[in-house]
Amino acid sequence: MNFDLKEIISATMVLFAVVDIIGAIPLIIDLRQKVGHIQSEKASIAAAVIMILFVFLGESILNLIGIDVNSFAVAGSFILFFLALEMVLGVNLFKDDIPDSAAVFPLAFPLIAGAGSLTTILSLRAEFHKENIIVAILLNILIVYAVLKASKKIEDFIGKNGITIIRKVFGVVLLAIAVKLFAGNISTLIK
């Protein structure tokens, strides 16, 4: 086992920025108003399973279609870059409309374990050990669960401006991480 606190913290911060559960509070509240009850436990468990499976199967899927992890990491850095721009600039590039039901589908996928999260997990595989990524996923799922359970209280406490500020701060962090991920993997591809 290669547990490394620095890797865990880094991976946790990257996933937290990409999942952007704080920024999704308005979507969650809107969903609750449309359908009533939010299934926090079910959504959190489903998202964790999807993300952890992707840690193990993502590389095999890439190999099946003939793509190496470094190439995917570079591609993932572009996705992270655009997600960060979305957060910083307040534009809406990747989020889908939320359907009318509040089962696993709109919360676990694509809101929590969406394209950005799965791309990020595969990109992180190029730099971090699997066990550290899994711990980071579980820590993020705990945060997601807490936010889903307390979304209304959090919105009232932080306010709209607070949510906007948090999104922009994590957007800048994510932008820096995207640049680092690109720089760390592009040299391998050029060789």
Protein backbone atom coordinates (compact mmCIF):
# COMPACT_ATOMS: atom_id res chain seq x y z
CA MET A 1 0.00 0.00 0.00
CA ASN A 2 1.26 3.44 -0.96
CA PHE A 3 -0.82 5.77 1.20
CA ASP A 4 0.52 9.31 0.94
CA LEU A 5 -1.15 12.21 2.76
CA LYS A 6 0.07 14.74 0.19
CA GLU A 7 -1.45 12.70 -2.68
CA ILE A 8 -4.70 12.23 -0.75
CA ILE A 9 -5.01 15.96 -0.04
CA SER A 10 -4.16 16.92 -3.63
CA ALA A 11 -6.56 14.39 -5.16
CA THR A 12 -9.30 15.38 -2.69
CA MET A 13 -8.94 19.06 -3.59
CA VAL A 14 -8.98 18.33 -7.32
CA LEU A 15 -12.09 16.15 -7.06
CA PHE A 16 -13.78 18.66 -4.73
CA ALA A 17 -13.21 21.41 -7.28
CA VAL A 18 -14.44 19.28 -10.20
CA VAL A 19 -17.48 17.82 -8.44
CA ASP A 20 -18.27 21.38 -7.27
CA ILE A 21 -20.97 20.25 -4.85
CA ILE A 22 -21.09 23.69 -3.22
CA GLY A 23 -21.69 25.32 -6.59
CA ALA A 24 -24.36 22.69 -7.29
CA ILE A 25 -26.42 23.69 -4.24
CA PRO A 26 -28.75 25.89 -6.34
CA LEU A 27 -29.34 22.93 -8.70
CA ILE A 28 -29.96 20.61 -5.75
CA ILE A 29 -32.41 23.05 -4.18
CA ASP A 30 -34.18 23.47 -7.52
CA LEU A 31 -34.41 19.69 -7.87
CA ARG A 32 -35.82 19.36 -4.34
CA GLN A 33 -38.47 21.98 -5.15
CA LYS A 34 -39.45 20.11 -8.33
CA VAL A 35 -39.66 16.58 -6.94
CA GLY A 36 -39.79 16.89 -3.17
CA HIS A 37 -37.37 14.47 -1.51
CA ILE A 38 -33.65 14.13 -2.36
CA GLN A 39 -32.25 10.62 -1.88
CA SER A 40 -28.90 11.66 -0.37
CA GLU A 41 -27.75 8.19 0.71
CA LYS A 42 -28.60 6.47 -2.56
CA ALA A 43 -27.05 9.23 -4.68
CA SER A 44 -23.85 9.29 -2.60
CA ILE A 45 -23.37 5.51 -2.66
CA ALA A 46 -24.08 5.29 -6.40
CA ALA A 47 -21.62 8.11 -7.16
CA ALA A 48 -18.93 6.45 -5.00
CA VAL A 49 -19.41 3.11 -6.77
CA ILE A 50 -19.24 4.73 -10.23
CA MET A 51 -16.10 6.69 -9.36
CA ILE A 52 -14.27 3.81 -7.64
CA LEU A 53 -15.09 1.43 -10.51
CA PHE A 54 -13.64 4.00 -12.86
CA VAL A 55 -10.38 4.02 -10.87
CA PHE A 56 -9.97 0.33 -11.68
CA LEU A 57 -11.69 -0.04 -15.05
CA GLY A 58 -10.92 3.31 -16.62
CA GLU A 59 -7.38 2.37 -17.65
CA SER A 60 -8.58 -0.95 -19.08
CA ILE A 61 -11.17 0.88 -21.13
CA LEU A 62 -8.46 3.18 -22.43
CA ASN A 63 -6.20 0.24 -23.31
CA LEU A 64 -9.10 -1.40 -25.11
CA ILE A 65 -9.41 1.59 -27.42
CA GLY A 66 -5.63 2.14 -27.65
CA ILE A 67 -5.11 5.28 -25.56
CA ASP A 68 -2.40 5.56 -22.88
CA VAL A 69 -2.95 7.24 -19.51
CA ASN A 70 -0.64 10.16 -20.32
CA SER A 71 -2.63 11.03 -23.45
CA PHE A 72 -5.83 10.84 -21.45
CA ALA A 73 -4.27 12.99 -18.72
CA VAL A 74 -3.42 15.69 -21.27
CA ALA A 75 -6.95 15.50 -22.68
CA GLY A 76 -8.28 15.56 -19.11
CA SER A 77 -6.22 18.67 -18.38
CA PHE A 78 -8.13 20.44 -21.17
CA ILE A 79 -11.46 19.35 -19.64
CA LEU A 80 -10.31 20.57 -16.21
CA PHE A 81 -9.14 23.82 -17.80
CA PHE A 82 -12.56 24.44 -19.35
CA LEU A 83 -14.37 23.41 -16.14
CA ALA A 84 -12.19 25.92 -14.27
CA LEU A 85 -13.01 28.62 -16.81
CA GLU A 86 -16.68 27.80 -16.34
CA MET A 87 -16.33 28.27 -12.59
CA VAL A 88 -14.27 31.45 -12.78
CA LEU A 89 -16.15 33.17 -15.61
CA GLY A 90 -19.63 31.96 -14.64
CA VAL A 91 -20.38 30.44 -18.04
CA ASN A 92 -22.26 27.17 -18.45
CA LEU A 93 -20.41 24.73 -20.72
CA PHE A 94 -20.82 21.22 -19.27
CA LYS A 95 -23.83 21.04 -16.93
CA ASP A 96 -26.87 19.26 -18.34
CA ASP A 97 -30.44 20.18 -17.54
CA ILE A 98 -31.75 18.29 -14.54
CA PRO A 99 -34.68 16.01 -15.35
CA ASP A 100 -37.89 15.82 -13.36
CA SER A 101 -37.02 12.81 -11.15
CA ALA A 102 -34.75 12.78 -8.08
CA ALA A 103 -33.43 9.25 -8.15
CA VAL A 104 -29.82 8.21 -8.64
CA PHE A 105 -29.73 9.56 -12.19
CA PRO A 106 -29.70 13.32 -11.80
CA LEU A 107 -27.65 13.37 -8.60
CA ALA A 108 -25.15 10.50 -8.74
CA PHE A 109 -24.79 10.80 -12.50
CA PRO A 110 -24.16 13.31 -14.06
CA LEU A 111 -24.14 15.86 -11.21
CA ILE A 112 -21.63 14.14 -8.86
CA ALA A 113 -19.92 11.47 -10.98
CA GLY A 114 -20.17 13.22 -14.31
CA ALA A 115 -17.85 13.53 -17.28
CA GLY A 116 -15.57 15.97 -15.47
CA SER A 117 -15.20 13.73 -12.41
CA LEU A 118 -14.53 10.57 -14.42
CA THR A 119 -12.04 12.34 -16.67
CA THR A 120 -10.33 13.73 -13.59
CA ILE A 121 -10.09 10.29 -11.98
CA LEU A 122 -8.36 8.88 -15.04
CA SER A 123 -6.10 11.90 -15.22
CA LEU A 124 -5.19 11.54 -11.55
CA ARG A 125 -4.21 7.92 -12.24
CA ALA A 126 -1.27 9.27 -14.25
CA GLU A 127 0.12 10.96 -11.12
CA PHE A 128 -1.25 9.29 -7.97
CA HIS A 129 -1.56 5.78 -6.53
CA LYS A 130 -4.99 4.10 -6.73
CA GLU A 131 -5.46 3.83 -2.96
CA ASN A 132 -4.91 7.58 -2.50
CA ILE A 133 -7.45 8.36 -5.22
CA ILE A 134 -9.97 6.01 -3.57
CA VAL A 135 -9.50 7.72 -0.21
CA ALA A 136 -9.97 11.09 -1.96
CA ILE A 137 -13.15 9.81 -3.60
CA LEU A 138 -14.53 8.59 -0.27
CA LEU A 139 -13.68 11.89 1.44
CA ASN A 140 -15.45 13.76 -1.34
CA ILE A 141 -18.47 11.47 -1.12
CA LEU A 142 -18.70 12.21 2.62
CA ILE A 143 -18.67 15.93 1.80
CA VAL A 144 -21.24 15.39 -0.97
CA TYR A 145 -23.51 13.46 1.40
CA ALA A 146 -23.24 16.17 4.07
CA VAL A 147 -24.00 18.89 1.52
CA LEU A 148 -26.97 16.98 0.07
CA LYS A 149 -28.38 16.48 3.56
CA ALA A 150 -27.86 20.11 4.59
CA SER A 151 -28.14 21.96 1.27
CA LYS A 152 -30.90 24.31 2.40
CA LYS A 153 -29.09 25.24 5.64
CA ILE A 154 -25.83 25.78 3.74
CA GLU A 155 -27.50 28.03 1.20
CA ASP A 156 -29.10 30.10 3.95
CA PHE A 157 -25.77 30.38 5.83
CA ILE A 158 -23.42 31.11 2.91
CA GLY A 159 -25.83 33.01 0.70
CA LYS A 160 -25.71 33.39 -3.06
CA ASN A 161 -22.64 35.64 -2.99
CA GLY A 162 -20.76 33.18 -0.77
CA ILE A 163 -21.48 30.30 -3.14
CA THR A 164 -20.28 32.42 -6.07
CA ILE A 165 -17.04 33.33 -4.27
CA ILE A 166 -16.33 29.68 -3.33
CA ARG A 167 -16.92 28.59 -6.94
CA LYS A 168 -14.49 31.21 -8.25
CA VAL A 169 -11.77 30.38 -5.70
CA PHE A 170 -11.98 26.65 -6.51
CA GLY A 171 -12.06 27.54 -10.20
CA VAL A 172 -8.68 29.26 -9.91
CA VAL A 173 -7.27 26.28 -7.96
CA LEU A 174 -8.60 23.91 -10.62
CA LEU A 175 -7.08 26.07 -13.36
CA ALA A 176 -3.64 25.77 -11.75
CA ILE A 177 -4.07 22.01 -11.35
CA ALA A 178 -5.05 21.68 -15.04
CA VAL A 179 -1.88 23.50 -16.08
CA LYS A 180 0.24 21.28 -13.79
CA LEU A 181 -1.42 18.12 -15.12
CA PHE A 182 -0.80 19.24 -18.71
CA ALA A 183 2.83 20.17 -18.06
CA GLY A 184 3.52 16.91 -16.20
CA ASN A 185 2.21 14.67 -18.98
CA ILE A 186 2.88 16.49 -22.25
CA SER A 187 6.64 15.87 -22.02
CA THR A 188 6.04 12.10 -21.97
CA LEU A 189 3.93 12.35 -25.11
CA ILE A 190 6.46 14.50 -26.97
CA LYS A 191 9.20 11.91 -26.36
